[in-house]
């Protein structure tokens, strides 16, 4: 669904992902983008700073911040992001 957050799409699939702040500042909903990163919204400064502070991998995004703009994306939800 275009313009949906990854968080909403993940929850819609009944995957129990951590959610804390919903604003991209806590980092609890980090996901790894395995393909289709070009189909996501650009990273905000807040998201970038949060990912840097938690020393996330380069292909990580925050599910609450990243929106699917078009096409498909494949993600991996790391164990530490599951509840």
C-alpha atoms as a PDB file:
ATOM      1  CA  UNK A   1       0.000   0.000   0.000  1.00  0.00           C
ATOM      2  CA  UNK A   2       1.726   3.193  -1.149  1.00  0.00           C
ATOM      3  CA  UNK A   3       2.403   5.878   1.459  1.00  0.00           C
ATOM      4  CA  UNK A   4       2.026   3.407   4.339  1.00  0.00           C
ATOM      5  CA  UNK A   5       4.659   3.240   7.056  1.00  0.00           C
ATOM      6  CA  UNK A   6       6.590   0.022   7.298  1.00  0.00           C
ATOM      7  CA  UNK A   7       5.392  -0.171  10.893  1.00  0.00           C
ATOM      8  CA  UNK A   8       1.755  -0.201   9.808  1.00  0.00           C
ATOM      9  CA  UNK A   9       2.449  -2.820   7.157  1.00  0.00           C
ATOM     10  CA  UNK A  10       4.357  -5.012   9.610  1.00  0.00           C
ATOM     11  CA  UNK A  11       1.642  -4.786  12.267  1.00  0.00           C
ATOM     12  CA  UNK A  12      -0.950  -5.505   9.567  1.00  0.00           C
ATOM     13  CA  UNK A  13       0.831  -8.819   8.982  1.00  0.00           C
ATOM     14  CA  UNK A  14       0.522  -9.548  12.717  1.00  0.00           C
ATOM     15  CA  UNK A  15       4.262  -9.423  13.316  1.00  0.00           C
ATOM     16  CA  UNK A  16       4.907  -8.408  16.906  1.00  0.00           C
ATOM     17  CA  UNK A  17       7.446  -5.606  16.456  1.00  0.00           C
ATOM     18  CA  UNK A  18       8.551  -3.294  19.260  1.00  0.00           C
ATOM     19  CA  UNK A  19       7.026   0.138  19.148  1.00  0.00           C
ATOM     20  CA  UNK A  20       7.795   2.742  21.727  1.00  0.00           C
ATOM     21  CA  UNK A  21       7.783   6.360  20.622  1.00  0.00           C
ATOM     22  CA  UNK A  22       6.477   6.180  17.039  1.00  0.00           C
ATOM     23  CA  UNK A  23       8.512   9.305  16.190  1.00  0.00           C
ATOM     24  CA  UNK A  24      11.807   7.795  15.092  1.00  0.00           C
ATOM     25  CA  UNK A  25      13.702   8.644  18.252  1.00  0.00           C
ATOM     26  CA  UNK A  26      13.810   5.415  20.281  1.00  0.00           C
ATOM     27  CA  UNK A  27      15.120   2.971  17.665  1.00  0.00           C
ATOM     28  CA  UNK A  28      13.096   0.049  19.017  1.00  0.00           C
ATOM     29  CA  UNK A  29      11.517  -0.741  15.616  1.00  0.00           C
ATOM     30  CA  UNK A  30      14.680  -1.037  13.542  1.00  0.00           C
ATOM     31  CA  UNK A  31      14.394  -3.236  10.451  1.00  0.00           C
ATOM     32  CA  UNK A  32      16.933  -4.316   7.855  1.00  0.00           C
ATOM     33  CA  UNK A  33      16.114  -3.559   4.218  1.00  0.00           C
ATOM     34  CA  UNK A  34      17.204  -6.514   2.090  1.00  0.00           C
ATOM     35  CA  UNK A  35      15.826  -5.181  -1.209  1.00  0.00           C
ATOM     36  CA  UNK A  36      13.701  -2.348  -2.556  1.00  0.00           C
ATOM     37  CA  UNK A  37      15.218   0.486  -0.506  1.00  0.00           C
ATOM     38  CA  UNK A  38      14.674   2.787  -3.493  1.00  0.00           C
ATOM     39  CA  UNK A  39      10.916   2.373  -2.983  1.00  0.00           C
ATOM     40  CA  UNK A  40      11.022   3.945   0.487  1.00  0.00           C
ATOM     41  CA  UNK A  41      10.741   7.550   1.575  1.00  0.00           C
ATOM     42  CA  UNK A  42      13.994   9.434   2.155  1.00  0.00           C
ATOM     43  CA  UNK A  43      15.469   9.134   5.619  1.00  0.00           C
ATOM     44  CA  UNK A  44      14.736  12.060   7.927  1.00  0.00           C
ATOM     45  CA  UNK A  45      17.461  13.685  10.012  1.00  0.00           C
ATOM     46  CA  UNK A  46      15.827  12.312  13.174  1.00  0.00           C
ATOM     47  CA  UNK A  47      15.795   8.780  11.808  1.00  0.00           C
ATOM     48  CA  UNK A  48      19.415   9.069  10.653  1.00  0.00           C
ATOM     49  CA  UNK A  49      20.562  10.367  14.057  1.00  0.00           C
ATOM     50  CA  UNK A  50      18.712   7.595  15.891  1.00  0.00           C
ATOM     51  CA  UNK A  51      20.159   4.884  13.670  1.00  0.00           C
ATOM     52  CA  UNK A  52      23.658   6.326  14.158  1.00  0.00           C
ATOM     53  CA  UNK A  53      23.197   6.439  17.942  1.00  0.00           C
ATOM     54  CA  UNK A  54      22.282   2.742  18.084  1.00  0.00           C
ATOM     55  CA  UNK A  55      25.084   1.859  15.643  1.00  0.00           C
ATOM     56  CA  UNK A  56      22.636   0.291  13.203  1.00  0.00           C
ATOM     57  CA  UNK A  57      23.846  -1.285   9.956  1.00  0.00           C
ATOM     58  CA  UNK A  58      23.892   0.875   6.839  1.00  0.00           C
ATOM     59  CA  UNK A  59      20.810  -0.834   5.370  1.00  0.00           C
ATOM     60  CA  UNK A  60      18.694  -0.305   8.500  1.00  0.00           C
ATOM     61  CA  UNK A  61      15.567   1.840   8.723  1.00  0.00           C
ATOM     62  CA  UNK A  62      13.075   2.605  11.467  1.00  0.00           C
ATOM     63  CA  UNK A  63       9.717   1.035  10.662  1.00  0.00           C
ATOM     64  CA  UNK A  64       7.804   3.997  12.092  1.00  0.00           C
ATOM     65  CA  UNK A  65       9.681   6.489   9.898  1.00  0.00           C
ATOM     66  CA  UNK A  66      10.096   4.702   6.576  1.00  0.00           C
ATOM     67  CA  UNK A  67       7.127   4.855   4.215  1.00  0.00           C
ATOM     68  CA  UNK A  68       6.569   2.653   1.198  1.00  0.00           C
ATOM     69  CA  UNK A  69       6.199   5.023  -1.765  1.00  0.00           C
ATOM     70  CA  UNK A  70       5.880   2.501  -4.597  1.00  0.00           C
ATOM     71  CA  UNK A  71       6.797  -1.005  -5.610  1.00  0.00           C
ATOM     72  CA  UNK A  72       7.981  -3.674  -3.228  1.00  0.00           C
ATOM     73  CA  UNK A  73      10.407  -3.856  -0.359  1.00  0.00           C
ATOM     74  CA  UNK A  74      11.805  -6.849   1.497  1.00  0.00           C
ATOM     75  CA  UNK A  75      12.767  -6.504   5.122  1.00  0.00           C
ATOM     76  CA  UNK A  76      14.197  -8.518   7.946  1.00  0.00           C
ATOM     77  CA  UNK A  77      12.945  -7.781  11.445  1.00  0.00           C
ATOM     78  CA  UNK A  78      15.890  -8.505  13.763  1.00  0.00           C
ATOM     79  CA  UNK A  79      15.184 -10.481  16.916  1.00  0.00           C
ATOM     80  CA  UNK A  80      15.952  -7.428  19.088  1.00  0.00           C
ATOM     81  CA  UNK A  81      13.117  -5.542  17.330  1.00  0.00           C
ATOM     82  CA  UNK A  82      10.531  -8.224  18.101  1.00  0.00           C
ATOM     83  CA  UNK A  83       8.489  -8.323  21.267  1.00  0.00           C
END
